[in-house]
Amino acid sequence: MERQLNIERLIQDVGGASKAAMQSGVVRTAPYGWVKRRYVSSVVLEKILTANPDIKLDDYFELMEVTNERDDIGECA
């Protein structure tokens, strides 16, 4: 088991994709890419957390089962 950041839930909790994009200074559709790639940069996280100081990032890490199968974007899950 390993921990993975639940980016989708983080985006929802800050007010949705448009608001997350505005807070992080990126285009409106960028948050959908974060979810798809399961990646968000530390710079973006810093901006989101600065705009939402009450959010505890640790709360968004969830245990995930580790497998060796490739997912739909070609990465090992």
Protein backbone atom coordinates (compact mmCIF):
# COMPACT_ATOMS: atom_id res chain seq x y z
CA MET A 1 0.00 0.00 0.00
CA GLU A 2 1.15 3.50 -0.72
CA ARG A 3 -0.32 6.95 -0.29
CA GLN A 4 -1.59 8.97 -3.23
CA LEU A 5 -2.85 12.55 -3.30
CA ASN A 6 -6.57 12.73 -4.08
CA ILE A 7 -6.32 15.70 -6.43
CA GLU A 8 -9.96 15.54 -7.47
CA ARG A 9 -11.19 15.91 -3.89
CA LEU A 10 -8.73 18.77 -3.26
CA ILE A 11 -10.06 20.61 -6.33
CA GLN A 12 -13.65 20.11 -5.20
CA ASP A 13 -12.87 21.35 -1.69
CA VAL A 14 -11.36 24.62 -2.94
CA GLY A 15 -14.47 25.38 -5.00
CA GLY A 16 -14.07 23.46 -8.24
CA ALA A 17 -11.75 23.46 -11.23
CA SER A 18 -12.26 27.09 -12.22
CA LYS A 19 -11.51 28.37 -8.74
CA ALA A 20 -8.50 26.07 -8.31
CA ALA A 21 -7.15 27.32 -11.64
CA MET A 22 -7.70 30.95 -10.69
CA GLN A 23 -5.97 30.48 -7.33
CA SER A 24 -2.97 28.79 -8.92
CA GLY A 25 -2.67 31.16 -11.90
CA VAL A 26 -3.25 28.58 -14.64
CA VAL A 27 -5.81 28.15 -17.40
CA ARG A 28 -9.30 27.02 -16.40
CA THR A 29 -8.86 23.53 -17.85
CA ALA A 30 -5.51 22.77 -16.16
CA PRO A 31 -7.05 21.11 -13.08
CA TYR A 32 -8.65 18.46 -15.30
CA GLY A 33 -5.15 17.62 -16.54
CA TRP A 34 -3.89 17.28 -12.97
CA VAL A 35 -6.58 14.72 -12.27
CA LYS A 36 -6.00 12.84 -15.52
CA ARG A 37 -2.22 12.66 -15.03
CA ARG A 38 -2.51 12.21 -11.25
CA TYR A 39 0.13 14.94 -10.89
CA VAL A 40 0.15 18.49 -9.62
CA SER A 41 3.33 20.48 -9.11
CA SER A 42 4.51 21.68 -5.73
CA VAL A 43 4.31 25.30 -6.99
CA VAL A 44 0.61 24.86 -7.73
CA LEU A 45 0.02 23.21 -4.36
CA GLU A 46 1.77 26.12 -2.65
CA LYS A 47 -0.53 28.61 -4.39
CA ILE A 48 -3.68 26.63 -3.57
CA LEU A 49 -2.64 26.25 0.07
CA THR A 50 -1.77 29.95 0.31
CA ALA A 51 -5.27 30.82 -0.94
CA ASN A 52 -6.83 28.23 1.40
CA PRO A 53 -4.79 28.26 4.62
CA ASP A 54 -7.31 26.09 6.50
CA ILE A 55 -6.77 23.12 4.19
CA LYS A 56 -4.58 20.36 5.62
CA LEU A 57 -2.83 18.67 2.71
CA ASP A 58 -2.25 15.50 4.73
CA ASP A 59 -6.01 14.93 4.72
CA TYR A 60 -5.92 14.41 0.95
CA PHE A 61 -3.45 11.54 0.94
CA GLU A 62 -5.21 8.17 0.72
CA LEU A 63 -3.92 4.63 0.85
CA MET A 64 -3.85 3.00 -2.58
CA GLU A 65 -3.10 -0.60 -3.50
CA VAL A 66 0.10 -0.98 -5.52
CA THR A 67 -0.08 -3.10 -8.67
CA ASN A 68 2.28 -3.67 -11.57
CA GLU A 69 -0.44 -3.24 -14.19
CA ARG A 70 -0.29 -0.25 -16.46
CA ASP A 71 -3.12 2.23 -16.27
CA ASP A 72 -4.87 3.97 -19.19
CA ILE A 73 -2.14 6.63 -19.51
CA GLY A 74 0.72 4.14 -19.62
CA GLU A 75 2.02 4.53 -16.08
CA CYS A 76 2.41 1.80 -13.53
CA ALA A 77 -0.33 2.08 -10.97
